[in-house]
Each structure stands twice: as C-alpha cells, then as structure tokens.
Amino acid sequence: MRSGEGLERGMADGLHIGAQCYVAHRGETGLDLTIGEVQAGVPMAPDSMMIWFSMTKAVTAVAVAREWERGNLDLEAPAARYLPEFGTRGKEAITLRHLLTHTAGIPNSDGIMEGATWRESAEENLARICAAPLEYVPGTRAGYHPAAGMTVLGAVVAAVSGTAYTEYVRREIFVPLGMDDCWVGMPEDVQERYGDRIGRMHATDGGAIRPLRGVDSPRAVATPMPGAGGRGPMRQLARLYEALLHGGVLEPVTVAAISARHRTGMIDETFGVVADWGLGLAIDTTAMGPHCSRR
C-alpha cells in the first residue's frame, strides 16, 4: 500500500475529512503526511493542530514520572495524601499506581461512559470525581478509565508542583521538547491567535459531514482534560515519544520503569480483552500489539 492510500480511502468512504500521519524510525523521519481538510474549507497542513484524545494520557504519565523522579511522589501512596478531597466514599485506598494502571475502580466516576460532558470547569470535573463512590476494590479488577484517573493524576501533579496542570505540561514537557504548538487546555485568547489551524471534529454518519457539537467549543478546548484534551500537530506529539526512546524528557531508568509491565494478564472490563499496562502507558494493546517491539 502506498503512503496515505488508507487515509485517502477513508476520505472517499466519508469516514473523515482529513488527517495527519507522522512516522519516525531510529530518529529519522519516514513519513510526514497531510491529507484533506483540517476543518470545512481549510486545507490540512503539517502545523494544523489535531485533538489527541487518549494519546494525552502519555503526557500525564510523563508528568507523574517527572515528579516521581524528583522524589515528590510515592507511587504506592494513596492519591488522597496529595489530594485530600479525593479520599471519600471508599476511594481512600486508591494509590497512584492504581490510577496509572487503570485498576483504581473509578472508571465512570465522572460519568463519561454514560455520555456526561466536559463543558464545566476543570474544578467542577474534579469535584464530580471526588464526590463519586468507589465502583470496585482497587487492584482487584481492571478497566480502562477514559478520563477520571488521569484527571486525578493531573491534579496530583499540580498539587505537588504548585503549578496548574496546563502550565506544568507546557513548561516541563512541551516547550523543552520543541512542542511549542501543543496544549492540554488552550486558553481562549490563544485559540483566537491560532484560528483556522485548529482542527475541528466532524460526525460523518448518515452520509452527511457536520461539526461534532461540544468537543470544539472555546470553553471545551480551554478546559484542561489530562486524559483526552491534548491538541497539537502530530509531528510535534511524536517528539514526546521520540524523547522517551532517545532521551530528553525522563531518565532512562524511569522510562524503563514506566514502560515495563505492571498490570499483566487481567481482563480489561471496559474493552473485554486482556490488556497489559505500564505506569500510565498501554503495553501491546489489542489495537497495536502486532506492531510493538518486546519493550
């Protein structure tokens, strides 16, 4: 298959209006492709800013790992040690390790699996999670937490660093790695400056292409969502993963620790399959497993 053929077919089939694809191998760029539109009537460009959804989780995992390296976090400690308001309704025993491995027992504490929106402030989202009950005993079962676990971890990073999560990832990760156009929680004045560079999600079912409501409103884009709200060009997001391979963001021993298997052989109840996890990173998931190296 020639480069981009699958993406072109997806456009022809009405699945999406455009895409970016970036591939690097051993530090060399192998593919840097753009196709279609970033939003209706606006051509996709290499610096167009895509929404990352769950790839944002890797950013939060790196942020936690940085504070762990610095001795500011104990992964075996209850999250409530750093975020006292979280320790209610059975959640007192949830550790940072539970949150990182998606075994914390709060996959739907923010209601997201039932369609709850993230249009409120970050503080309101966190308060909703803190007020929710435990769904199962931490560590005894596994189930992908679409947003809640990373929301708590983002708040923990903010608490121990004294820096708001959005500012922390910009200062500690994005800017040092040259990811200047990357954000998790993009202020509305910044959105105005970027203008048409910001990608817009579209629904394509039923043969009609139309903007997907709620995802791209100025308020939603500005609300930091540590598990799903990252935005930026794919070529810049790739720098985070390249830094894990080649250095520049964490010590090698830390990278080895977070990419090792800390959850093994457990059925992921969200997906209904066995999925191994590192510390905040998925390890050979059903979607990517055939293409993963041993590490």
Protein backbone atom coordinates (compact mmCIF):
# COMPACT_ATOMS: atom_id res chain seq x y z
CA MET A 1 0.00 0.00 0.00
CA ARG A 2 1.42 3.35 -0.96
CA SER A 3 1.75 6.05 1.70
CA GLY A 4 -1.60 7.60 2.53
CA GLU A 5 -3.74 5.21 0.49
CA GLY A 6 -5.74 4.09 3.51
CA LEU A 7 -6.35 7.69 4.56
CA GLU A 8 -7.45 8.60 1.05
CA ARG A 9 -9.84 5.66 1.01
CA GLY A 10 -11.28 6.77 4.35
CA MET A 11 -11.99 10.21 2.91
CA ALA A 12 -13.58 8.68 -0.18
CA ASP A 13 -15.77 6.50 2.06
CA GLY A 14 -16.85 9.53 4.07
CA LEU A 15 -15.21 8.46 7.32
CA HIS A 16 -13.22 11.64 7.86
CA ILE A 17 -12.45 14.95 6.18
CA GLY A 18 -8.68 14.90 6.63
CA ALA A 19 -5.73 13.53 8.56
CA GLN A 20 -2.10 13.87 9.53
CA CYS A 21 0.31 10.95 9.74
CA TYR A 22 3.84 11.13 11.10
CA VAL A 23 6.26 8.22 11.34
CA ALA A 24 9.85 8.23 12.59
CA HIS A 25 12.28 5.32 12.90
CA ARG A 26 15.61 5.41 14.70
CA GLY A 27 15.48 9.19 14.84
CA GLU A 28 14.78 9.64 11.12
CA THR A 29 11.50 10.92 9.71
CA GLY A 30 9.98 8.28 7.48
CA LEU A 31 6.61 9.87 6.74
CA ASP A 32 5.13 13.30 7.35
CA LEU A 33 1.81 13.30 5.53
CA THR A 34 -1.19 15.61 5.44
CA ILE A 35 -4.38 15.00 3.53
CA GLY A 36 -7.78 16.63 3.16
CA GLU A 37 -9.05 19.41 5.40
CA VAL A 38 -8.46 20.43 9.00
CA GLN A 39 -11.94 21.91 9.09
CA ALA A 40 -14.52 22.52 6.40
CA GLY A 41 -12.95 24.57 3.61
CA VAL A 42 -9.49 24.78 5.24
CA PRO A 43 -6.71 22.55 3.82
CA MET A 44 -4.85 20.32 6.26
CA ALA A 45 -1.24 21.45 6.84
CA PRO A 46 1.70 19.95 8.78
CA ASP A 47 1.22 22.54 11.52
CA SER A 48 -2.56 22.05 11.83
CA MET A 49 -3.50 21.20 15.40
CA MET A 50 -5.28 17.90 15.95
CA ILE A 51 -7.07 16.69 19.07
CA TRP A 52 -5.16 13.78 20.65
CA PHE A 53 -7.90 12.18 22.74
CA SER A 54 -6.30 9.35 24.75
CA MET A 55 -2.78 9.98 23.47
CA THR A 56 -2.95 12.82 26.02
CA LYS A 57 -2.61 10.17 28.72
CA ALA A 58 1.07 9.70 27.83
CA VAL A 59 1.68 13.37 28.63
CA THR A 60 0.15 12.97 32.07
CA ALA A 61 2.09 9.75 32.64
CA VAL A 62 5.33 11.61 31.86
CA ALA A 63 4.35 14.45 34.19
CA VAL A 64 3.76 11.98 37.04
CA ALA A 65 7.06 10.25 36.25
CA ARG A 66 8.96 13.55 36.41
CA GLU A 67 7.63 14.28 39.88
CA TRP A 68 8.39 10.68 40.90
CA GLU A 69 11.98 11.13 39.69
CA ARG A 70 12.27 14.27 41.78
CA GLY A 71 11.12 12.46 44.90
CA ASN A 72 7.91 14.45 45.15
CA LEU A 73 5.61 11.45 44.64
CA ASP A 74 5.40 7.94 46.07
CA LEU A 75 3.58 5.69 43.61
CA GLU A 76 2.47 3.37 46.42
CA ALA A 77 0.91 6.23 48.38
CA PRO A 78 -2.83 6.90 48.39
CA ALA A 79 -3.77 9.66 45.98
CA ALA A 80 -5.57 11.28 48.91
CA ARG A 81 -2.19 12.01 50.51
CA TYR A 82 -1.69 14.65 47.81
CA LEU A 83 -5.34 15.40 47.13
CA PRO A 84 -7.26 15.06 50.43
CA GLU A 85 -10.65 15.84 48.90
CA PHE A 86 -10.36 12.68 46.79
CA GLY A 87 -10.30 10.36 49.82
CA THR A 88 -14.03 9.84 50.28
CA ARG A 89 -16.65 7.13 49.67
CA GLY A 90 -14.23 4.23 49.59
CA LYS A 91 -11.55 5.90 47.49
CA GLU A 92 -9.14 6.33 50.40
CA ALA A 93 -7.10 3.26 49.42
CA ILE A 94 -6.60 4.19 45.74
CA THR A 95 -2.88 4.64 45.09
CA LEU A 96 -1.11 6.45 42.29
CA ARG A 97 -0.14 3.03 40.94
CA HIS A 98 -3.81 2.03 40.76
CA LEU A 99 -4.59 5.17 38.79
CA LEU A 100 -1.66 4.67 36.41
CA THR A 101 -2.58 1.03 35.71
CA HIS A 102 -6.35 1.59 35.34
CA THR A 103 -7.14 -0.63 38.32
CA ALA A 104 -8.38 2.17 40.60
CA GLY A 105 -12.04 1.20 40.49
CA ILE A 106 -13.40 4.57 39.32
CA PRO A 107 -13.71 4.21 35.52
CA ASN A 108 -17.02 6.06 35.36
CA SER A 109 -16.76 8.38 38.34
CA ASP A 110 -17.02 11.39 36.03
CA GLY A 111 -19.99 9.91 34.15
CA ILE A 112 -18.13 10.00 30.84
CA MET A 113 -19.03 6.40 29.95
CA GLU A 114 -22.67 7.42 30.12
CA GLY A 115 -22.19 10.46 27.91
CA ALA A 116 -21.54 13.13 30.55
CA THR A 117 -19.88 16.16 29.00
CA TRP A 118 -16.77 18.10 29.97
CA ARG A 119 -18.14 21.57 29.42
CA GLU A 120 -17.73 22.66 33.03
CA SER A 121 -14.56 23.97 34.58
CA ALA A 122 -11.69 21.66 35.50
CA GLU A 123 -12.51 22.28 39.16
CA GLU A 124 -16.09 21.10 38.68
CA ASN A 125 -14.96 17.99 36.82
CA LEU A 126 -12.54 17.10 39.63
CA ALA A 127 -15.20 17.74 42.27
CA ARG A 128 -17.57 15.35 40.48
CA ILE A 129 -14.92 12.61 40.60
CA CYS A 130 -14.09 13.27 44.25
CA ALA A 131 -17.78 13.02 45.20
CA ALA A 132 -18.33 9.73 43.35
CA PRO A 133 -18.33 6.33 45.10
CA LEU A 134 -15.82 3.57 44.52
CA GLU A 135 -17.02 1.09 41.86
CA TYR A 136 -14.84 -1.88 42.90
CA VAL A 137 -11.94 -2.63 45.26
CA PRO A 138 -8.74 -1.06 43.85
CA GLY A 139 -6.29 -3.53 42.38
CA THR A 140 -8.74 -6.44 42.20
CA ARG A 141 -10.15 -5.68 38.75
CA ALA A 142 -9.08 -3.74 35.69
CA GLY A 143 -10.99 -1.45 33.38
CA TYR A 144 -9.81 1.39 31.19
CA HIS A 145 -10.61 4.73 32.83
CA PRO A 146 -11.37 7.02 29.86
CA ALA A 147 -10.79 10.24 31.77
CA ALA A 148 -11.27 10.12 35.55
CA GLY A 149 -7.98 8.52 36.57
CA MET A 150 -5.85 10.92 34.59
CA THR A 151 -7.88 13.85 35.87
CA VAL A 152 -6.92 12.88 39.42
CA LEU A 153 -3.27 12.37 38.44
CA GLY A 154 -3.18 15.77 36.74
CA ALA A 155 -4.50 17.34 39.92
CA VAL A 156 -1.87 15.48 41.96
CA VAL A 157 0.92 16.81 39.73
CA ALA A 158 -0.47 20.32 40.15
CA ALA A 159 -0.66 19.92 43.92
CA VAL A 160 2.93 18.74 44.44
CA SER A 161 4.47 21.10 41.89
CA GLY A 162 2.48 24.18 42.83
CA THR A 163 1.78 24.75 39.13
CA ALA A 164 -1.52 24.39 37.29
CA TYR A 165 -1.57 21.27 35.11
CA THR A 166 -1.84 23.23 31.84
CA GLU A 167 1.15 25.38 32.74
CA TYR A 168 3.12 22.40 34.05
CA VAL A 169 2.98 20.37 30.84
CA ARG A 170 3.81 23.44 28.77
CA ARG A 171 6.82 24.37 30.93
CA GLU A 172 8.16 20.92 31.78
CA ILE A 173 7.39 18.89 28.65
CA PHE A 174 6.15 20.72 25.58
CA VAL A 175 8.39 23.77 25.36
CA PRO A 176 11.65 21.94 26.25
CA LEU A 177 10.91 19.34 23.54
CA GLY A 178 10.07 21.94 20.91
CA MET A 179 6.36 21.11 21.08
CA ASP A 180 5.53 24.79 21.01
CA ASP A 181 2.08 24.38 19.47
CA CYS A 182 0.92 21.70 21.92
CA TRP A 183 -1.58 22.29 24.69
CA VAL A 184 -3.79 20.49 27.19
CA GLY A 185 -6.24 23.27 27.92
CA MET A 186 -5.71 26.01 25.35
CA PRO A 187 -6.71 29.49 26.62
CA GLU A 188 -9.37 31.20 24.54
CA ASP A 189 -7.07 34.08 23.53
CA VAL A 190 -4.56 31.52 22.24
CA GLN A 191 -7.32 29.81 20.29
CA GLU A 192 -8.10 33.11 18.61
CA ARG A 193 -4.47 33.51 17.55
CA TYR A 194 -4.29 30.02 16.07
CA GLY A 195 -7.58 30.48 14.23
CA ASP A 196 -8.05 28.03 11.33
CA ARG A 197 -5.02 25.96 12.33
CA ILE A 198 -7.14 24.25 14.99
CA GLY A 199 -8.72 21.01 13.79
CA ARG A 200 -12.45 20.51 14.21
CA MET A 201 -14.10 17.16 14.85
CA HIS A 202 -16.87 16.12 12.49
CA ALA A 203 -19.59 13.49 12.61
CA THR A 204 -19.80 11.59 9.32
CA ASP A 205 -22.56 9.06 9.94
CA GLY A 206 -25.61 9.06 7.71
CA GLY A 207 -23.66 10.32 4.72
CA ALA A 208 -23.59 13.92 5.96
CA ILE A 209 -20.47 15.64 7.31
CA ARG A 210 -21.22 18.07 10.11
CA PRO A 211 -19.33 19.60 13.06
CA LEU A 212 -19.48 17.48 16.22
CA ARG A 213 -21.02 19.63 18.93
CA GLY A 214 -19.36 20.10 22.30
CA VAL A 215 -15.83 18.90 21.50
CA ASP A 216 -14.51 22.09 19.93
CA SER A 217 -16.34 24.90 21.70
CA PRO A 218 -13.93 27.57 23.00
CA ARG A 219 -14.77 26.61 26.58
CA ALA A 220 -14.24 22.88 25.98
CA VAL A 221 -10.89 23.48 24.26
CA ALA A 222 -9.79 25.73 27.14
CA THR A 223 -10.72 23.19 29.85
CA PRO A 224 -7.68 21.02 30.66
CA MET A 225 -8.56 17.32 30.34
CA PRO A 226 -5.45 15.32 31.29
CA GLY A 227 -6.83 12.10 29.83
CA ALA A 228 -8.07 13.27 26.45
CA GLY A 229 -7.84 17.02 25.78
CA GLY A 230 -4.38 17.46 24.24
CA ARG A 231 -4.05 19.29 20.93
CA GLY A 232 -1.21 19.94 18.55
CA PRO A 233 0.42 18.79 15.29
CA MET A 234 1.18 15.09 15.02
CA ARG A 235 4.81 15.81 14.11
CA GLN A 236 5.16 17.60 17.45
CA LEU A 237 3.36 14.94 19.50
CA ALA A 238 5.82 12.44 18.05
CA ARG A 239 8.64 14.33 19.77
CA LEU A 240 7.33 13.15 23.14
CA TYR A 241 7.61 9.50 22.11
CA GLU A 242 10.96 10.10 20.42
CA ALA A 243 12.19 11.66 23.67
CA LEU A 244 11.18 8.52 25.56
CA LEU A 245 13.26 6.47 23.11
CA HIS A 246 16.26 8.76 22.70
CA GLY A 247 16.31 10.95 25.82
CA GLY A 248 15.28 14.46 26.64
CA VAL A 249 12.31 14.13 28.97
CA LEU A 250 13.00 11.41 31.59
CA GLU A 251 15.99 9.46 32.87
CA PRO A 252 16.47 6.13 31.03
CA VAL A 253 15.80 4.13 34.18
CA THR A 254 12.48 5.97 34.60
CA VAL A 255 11.49 5.26 31.00
CA ALA A 256 12.30 1.59 31.59
CA ALA A 257 10.16 1.58 34.72
CA ILE A 258 7.06 3.20 33.23
CA SER A 259 7.19 1.08 30.06
CA ALA A 260 7.58 -2.22 31.94
CA ARG A 261 4.52 -4.41 32.57
CA HIS A 262 2.92 -3.50 35.89
CA ARG A 263 -0.52 -4.95 35.10
CA THR A 264 -0.45 -8.31 33.36
CA GLY A 265 -2.97 -10.92 32.27
CA MET A 266 -6.02 -9.05 33.58
CA ILE A 267 -9.23 -8.73 31.59
CA ASP A 268 -9.92 -5.09 30.87
CA GLU A 269 -13.61 -4.83 31.65
CA THR A 270 -14.05 -1.70 29.55
CA PHE A 271 -12.82 -3.44 26.40
CA GLY A 272 -13.48 -7.08 27.28
CA VAL A 273 -9.96 -8.27 26.45
CA VAL A 274 -6.67 -8.90 28.24
CA ALA A 275 -4.52 -5.76 28.07
CA ASP A 276 -1.21 -5.19 29.84
CA TRP A 277 -0.30 -1.77 31.22
CA GLY A 278 2.80 0.04 32.32
CA LEU A 279 2.73 3.11 34.56
CA GLY A 280 0.31 5.23 32.56
CA LEU A 281 1.24 3.66 29.21
CA ALA A 282 -0.56 0.89 27.35
CA ILE A 283 1.69 -2.07 26.55
CA ASP A 284 0.88 -4.07 23.37
CA THR A 285 -2.85 -3.39 23.33
CA THR A 286 -5.14 -5.32 21.02
CA ALA A 287 -5.01 -2.42 18.59
CA MET A 288 -1.23 -2.08 18.42
CA GLY A 289 0.18 -5.33 19.77
CA PRO A 290 1.25 -6.94 16.47
CA HIS A 291 3.42 -3.90 15.76
CA CYS A 292 5.10 -3.48 19.15
CA SER A 293 8.68 -4.39 19.98
CA ARG A 294 9.37 -6.54 23.04
CA ARG A 295 9.60 -3.28 25.02
